[in-house]
N, C-alpha and C. Protein backbone atom coordinates (compact mmCIF):
# COMPACT_ATOMS: atom_id res chain seq x y z
N MET A 1 5.33 -22.53 -14.89
CA MET A 1 4.29 -22.27 -14.19
C MET A 1 4.85 -20.23 -14.45
N SER A 2 3.69 -19.57 -14.63
CA SER A 2 4.10 -17.92 -14.84
C SER A 2 4.08 -17.44 -12.85
N ASP A 3 4.42 -16.21 -12.82
CA ASP A 3 4.88 -15.55 -11.93
C ASP A 3 3.40 -14.79 -11.61
N PRO A 4 3.07 -14.72 -10.64
CA PRO A 4 1.50 -13.85 -10.40
C PRO A 4 1.83 -12.47 -10.30
N VAL A 5 0.71 -11.85 -10.89
CA VAL A 5 0.56 -10.60 -11.34
C VAL A 5 -0.54 -10.17 -10.37
N ARG A 6 0.15 -8.83 -9.89
CA ARG A 6 -0.89 -8.13 -8.93
C ARG A 6 -1.32 -6.47 -9.61
N MET A 7 -2.30 -6.07 -8.94
CA MET A 7 -2.50 -4.97 -9.27
C MET A 7 -1.99 -4.06 -8.15
N CYS A 8 -1.38 -2.40 -8.62
CA CYS A 8 -1.20 -1.13 -7.57
C CYS A 8 -2.62 -0.99 -7.56
N ILE A 9 -3.18 -0.82 -6.32
CA ILE A 9 -4.56 0.07 -6.05
C ILE A 9 -4.11 1.53 -6.11
N HIS A 10 -3.18 1.95 -6.66
CA HIS A 10 -3.13 3.30 -6.71
C HIS A 10 -3.16 3.74 -8.24
N CYS A 11 -1.94 3.47 -9.02
CA CYS A 11 -2.07 3.63 -10.23
C CYS A 11 -2.76 2.47 -11.03
N ARG A 12 -3.56 1.34 -10.65
CA ARG A 12 -4.20 0.50 -11.30
C ARG A 12 -2.93 -0.50 -12.35
N GLY A 13 -1.58 -0.19 -12.29
CA GLY A 13 -0.89 -0.69 -13.13
C GLY A 13 -0.41 -2.52 -12.56
N ARG A 14 0.00 -3.45 -13.71
CA ARG A 14 -0.33 -4.67 -13.44
C ARG A 14 1.21 -4.67 -13.28
N TYR A 15 1.72 -5.73 -12.26
CA TYR A 15 3.45 -5.80 -12.02
C TYR A 15 3.13 -7.53 -11.28
N LEU A 16 4.49 -8.00 -11.70
CA LEU A 16 4.94 -9.30 -11.17
C LEU A 16 4.74 -8.92 -9.41
N GLN A 17 4.15 -9.72 -8.76
CA GLN A 17 4.00 -9.98 -7.18
C GLN A 17 5.18 -9.46 -6.26
N ALA A 18 6.31 -9.97 -7.15
CA ALA A 18 7.77 -9.79 -6.51
C ALA A 18 7.82 -8.23 -6.66
N GLN A 19 7.58 -7.39 -7.32
CA GLN A 19 8.10 -6.13 -7.80
C GLN A 19 6.99 -4.95 -6.76
N LEU A 20 6.02 -5.53 -6.16
CA LEU A 20 5.11 -4.61 -5.35
C LEU A 20 5.25 -4.90 -3.74
N ILE A 21 4.69 -3.80 -3.21
CA ILE A 21 4.78 -4.08 -1.71
C ILE A 21 3.32 -4.10 -0.92
N ARG A 22 3.30 -5.32 -0.04
CA ARG A 22 2.21 -5.81 0.30
C ARG A 22 1.58 -4.80 1.55
N LEU A 23 0.67 -4.91 1.40
CA LEU A 23 0.11 -4.47 2.85
C LEU A 23 -1.15 -4.40 3.45
N GLN A 24 -1.35 -3.77 4.72
CA GLN A 24 -2.71 -4.12 4.51
C GLN A 24 -3.24 -3.17 6.15
N CYS A 25 -4.38 -3.01 6.36
CA CYS A 25 -5.27 -2.30 7.28
C CYS A 25 -5.79 -3.16 8.40
N GLN A 26 -5.35 -2.73 9.72
CA GLN A 26 -5.54 -3.24 10.87
C GLN A 26 -5.85 -2.34 11.93
N ASN A 27 -6.67 -2.05 12.35
CA ASN A 27 -7.30 -1.39 13.32
C ASN A 27 -7.12 0.24 12.50
N ASN A 28 -7.36 0.52 11.75
CA ASN A 28 -7.66 1.82 10.95
C ASN A 28 -6.20 2.16 10.76
N GLN A 29 -4.98 1.36 10.92
CA GLN A 29 -3.49 1.47 10.38
C GLN A 29 -3.16 0.63 9.46
N ILE A 30 -1.86 1.51 8.36
CA ILE A 30 -1.82 0.61 7.27
C ILE A 30 -0.31 -0.05 7.83
N GLN A 31 -0.26 -1.33 7.65
CA GLN A 31 1.14 -1.91 8.32
C GLN A 31 1.02 -2.95 7.20
N PRO A 32 2.70 -3.42 7.16
CA PRO A 32 2.92 -4.70 6.22
C PRO A 32 2.04 -5.78 6.27
N PHE A 33 2.33 -6.48 5.56
CA PHE A 33 1.14 -7.87 5.70
C PHE A 33 1.49 -8.96 6.44
N GLN A 34 0.70 -9.26 7.41
CA GLN A 34 1.86 -10.48 8.54
C GLN A 34 1.20 -11.65 8.49
N GLY A 35 0.51 -12.10 6.91
CA GLY A 35 0.20 -13.65 6.92
C GLY A 35 -0.91 -13.60 6.85
N TYR A 36 -1.78 -12.74 7.26
CA TYR A 36 -3.65 -13.42 7.41
C TYR A 36 -4.34 -11.73 7.33
N GLY A 37 -5.53 -12.35 7.01
CA GLY A 37 -6.48 -11.09 6.82
C GLY A 37 -6.45 -10.54 5.12
N ARG A 38 -7.01 -9.43 4.63
CA ARG A 38 -7.07 -8.57 3.45
C ARG A 38 -5.75 -8.14 3.53
N SER A 39 -5.12 -7.88 2.30
CA SER A 39 -4.28 -6.96 1.89
C SER A 39 -4.43 -6.27 0.49
N PHE A 40 -3.25 -5.61 0.20
CA PHE A 40 -3.53 -4.53 -0.94
C PHE A 40 -2.11 -4.49 -1.13
N TYR A 41 -1.75 -3.88 -2.73
CA TYR A 41 -0.26 -3.87 -3.24
C TYR A 41 -0.39 -2.20 -3.77
N LEU A 42 0.94 -1.67 -3.28
CA LEU A 42 2.02 -0.71 -4.33
C LEU A 42 2.49 -0.59 -4.77
N CYS A 43 2.89 0.24 -5.82
CA CYS A 43 4.14 -0.13 -6.69
C CYS A 43 4.99 1.08 -6.04
N HIS A 44 6.44 0.63 -6.38
CA HIS A 44 7.46 1.68 -5.64
C HIS A 44 6.95 3.25 -6.14
N SER A 45 6.87 3.40 -7.51
CA SER A 45 6.38 4.47 -7.69
C SER A 45 5.39 5.27 -7.25
N CYS A 46 4.50 4.45 -6.59
CA CYS A 46 3.16 5.54 -6.31
C CYS A 46 3.24 5.56 -4.57
N ILE A 47 4.28 5.89 -4.20
CA ILE A 47 5.14 5.60 -2.88
C ILE A 47 5.51 7.16 -2.68
N HIS A 48 5.54 7.95 -3.67
CA HIS A 48 5.63 9.14 -3.83
C HIS A 48 5.04 10.30 -4.32
N ASP A 49 3.33 9.36 -4.29
CA ASP A 49 2.78 10.30 -4.84
C ASP A 49 1.79 10.98 -3.89
N LYS A 50 1.55 12.19 -4.19
CA LYS A 50 1.12 13.41 -3.29
C LYS A 50 -0.45 12.95 -2.76
N LYS A 51 -1.31 12.03 -3.53
CA LYS A 51 -3.01 11.78 -3.65
C LYS A 51 -2.77 10.30 -2.84
N LEU A 52 -1.63 9.85 -2.45
CA LEU A 52 -1.70 8.39 -1.96
C LEU A 52 -2.57 8.22 -0.83
N ALA A 53 -2.44 9.21 0.11
CA ALA A 53 -2.88 9.25 1.53
C ALA A 53 -4.72 8.76 1.43
N LYS A 54 -5.26 9.88 0.39
CA LYS A 54 -6.38 9.85 -0.11
C LYS A 54 -6.76 8.44 -0.39
N ARG A 55 -6.21 7.53 -1.11
CA ARG A 55 -6.36 6.54 -1.62
C ARG A 55 -6.54 5.53 -0.50
N LEU A 56 -5.26 5.39 0.24
CA LEU A 56 -5.06 4.66 0.85
C LEU A 56 -6.26 4.88 2.51
N ALA A 57 -6.75 5.86 2.71
CA ALA A 57 -7.78 6.16 3.85
C ALA A 57 -9.12 5.35 2.80
N LYS A 58 -9.59 5.67 1.94
CA LYS A 58 -10.45 5.02 1.13
C LYS A 58 -10.28 3.69 1.23
N GLN A 59 -9.53 2.91 1.02
CA GLN A 59 -9.11 1.54 1.11
C GLN A 59 -9.45 1.16 2.63
N CYS A 60 -8.86 1.79 3.40
CA CYS A 60 -8.61 1.44 5.13
C CYS A 60 -10.39 1.76 5.74
N ASN A 61 -11.56 2.47 4.82
CA ASN A 61 -12.61 3.12 5.19
C ASN A 61 -12.15 4.04 6.75
N ASN A 62 -11.22 5.09 6.36
CA ASN A 62 -11.07 5.70 7.11
C ASN A 62 -10.71 7.25 7.21
N LYS A 63 -11.37 8.04 7.06
CA LYS A 63 -11.42 8.96 6.48
C LYS A 63 -10.72 10.35 7.27
N THR A 64 -10.70 9.87 8.49
CA THR A 64 -9.51 10.71 9.17
C THR A 64 -7.97 10.14 9.07
N TYR A 65 -7.98 9.59 8.35
CA TYR A 65 -6.34 9.20 8.28
C TYR A 65 -5.95 9.96 7.34
N LEU A 66 -6.26 11.18 6.36
CA LEU A 66 -5.80 11.55 5.69
C LEU A 66 -4.46 12.67 6.21
N THR A 67 -3.66 12.07 6.01
CA THR A 67 -2.51 13.00 6.80
C THR A 67 -1.07 12.97 6.02
N ILE A 68 -0.41 14.08 5.87
CA ILE A 68 0.88 14.09 5.10
C ILE A 68 1.86 13.13 5.76
N GLU A 69 1.91 12.74 7.35
CA GLU A 69 2.98 11.93 7.68
C GLU A 69 2.43 10.17 7.03
N LEU A 70 1.49 10.17 6.69
CA LEU A 70 1.13 8.66 5.72
C LEU A 70 2.15 8.40 4.99
N GLY A 71 2.52 9.51 4.22
CA GLY A 71 3.55 9.18 2.68
C GLY A 71 5.02 8.63 3.51
N GLU A 72 5.52 9.51 4.62
CA GLU A 72 6.55 9.47 5.09
C GLU A 72 6.75 7.80 6.38
N HIS A 73 4.88 7.83 6.59
CA HIS A 73 4.81 6.30 7.57
C HIS A 73 5.76 5.12 6.59
N ILE A 74 4.78 5.12 5.13
CA ILE A 74 4.62 4.19 4.31
C ILE A 74 6.74 3.83 3.67
N LYS A 75 7.36 4.99 3.49
CA LYS A 75 8.66 5.21 3.02
C LYS A 75 9.37 4.60 4.00
N GLU A 76 9.00 4.54 5.46
CA GLU A 76 9.71 4.35 6.41
C GLU A 76 9.78 2.63 6.54
N MET A 77 8.41 2.17 6.35
CA MET A 77 7.91 0.84 6.33
C MET A 77 9.06 0.36 5.07
N VAL A 78 8.91 0.70 4.13
CA VAL A 78 10.15 0.08 2.69
C VAL A 78 10.88 -0.09 3.37
N ALA A 79 11.37 0.79 3.37
CA ALA A 79 13.10 0.90 3.91
C ALA A 79 13.13 0.16 5.00
N ASN A 80 12.47 -0.09 5.98
CA ASN A 80 13.01 -0.87 7.05
C ASN A 80 12.90 -2.52 6.99
N GLY A 81 12.13 -2.97 5.89
CA GLY A 81 11.48 -4.07 5.22
C GLY A 81 10.69 -4.59 5.68
């Protein structure tokens, strides 16, 4: 059986699911996936993109979440596992 392929919401690239970071929006905050609810994927190269905050705000339907600290927040989440 083949491995599942998923799409990065930022670059629209298709990667194996194991190579992507799975996140979700809860209460207008970006969090690691907790096992339930809707989620989305990001590739490791898109984490460093400066336009990522705008894409994530759109994903979470939150126009006020456009901050520079968002990229740092995601990098920290990825580093901590």
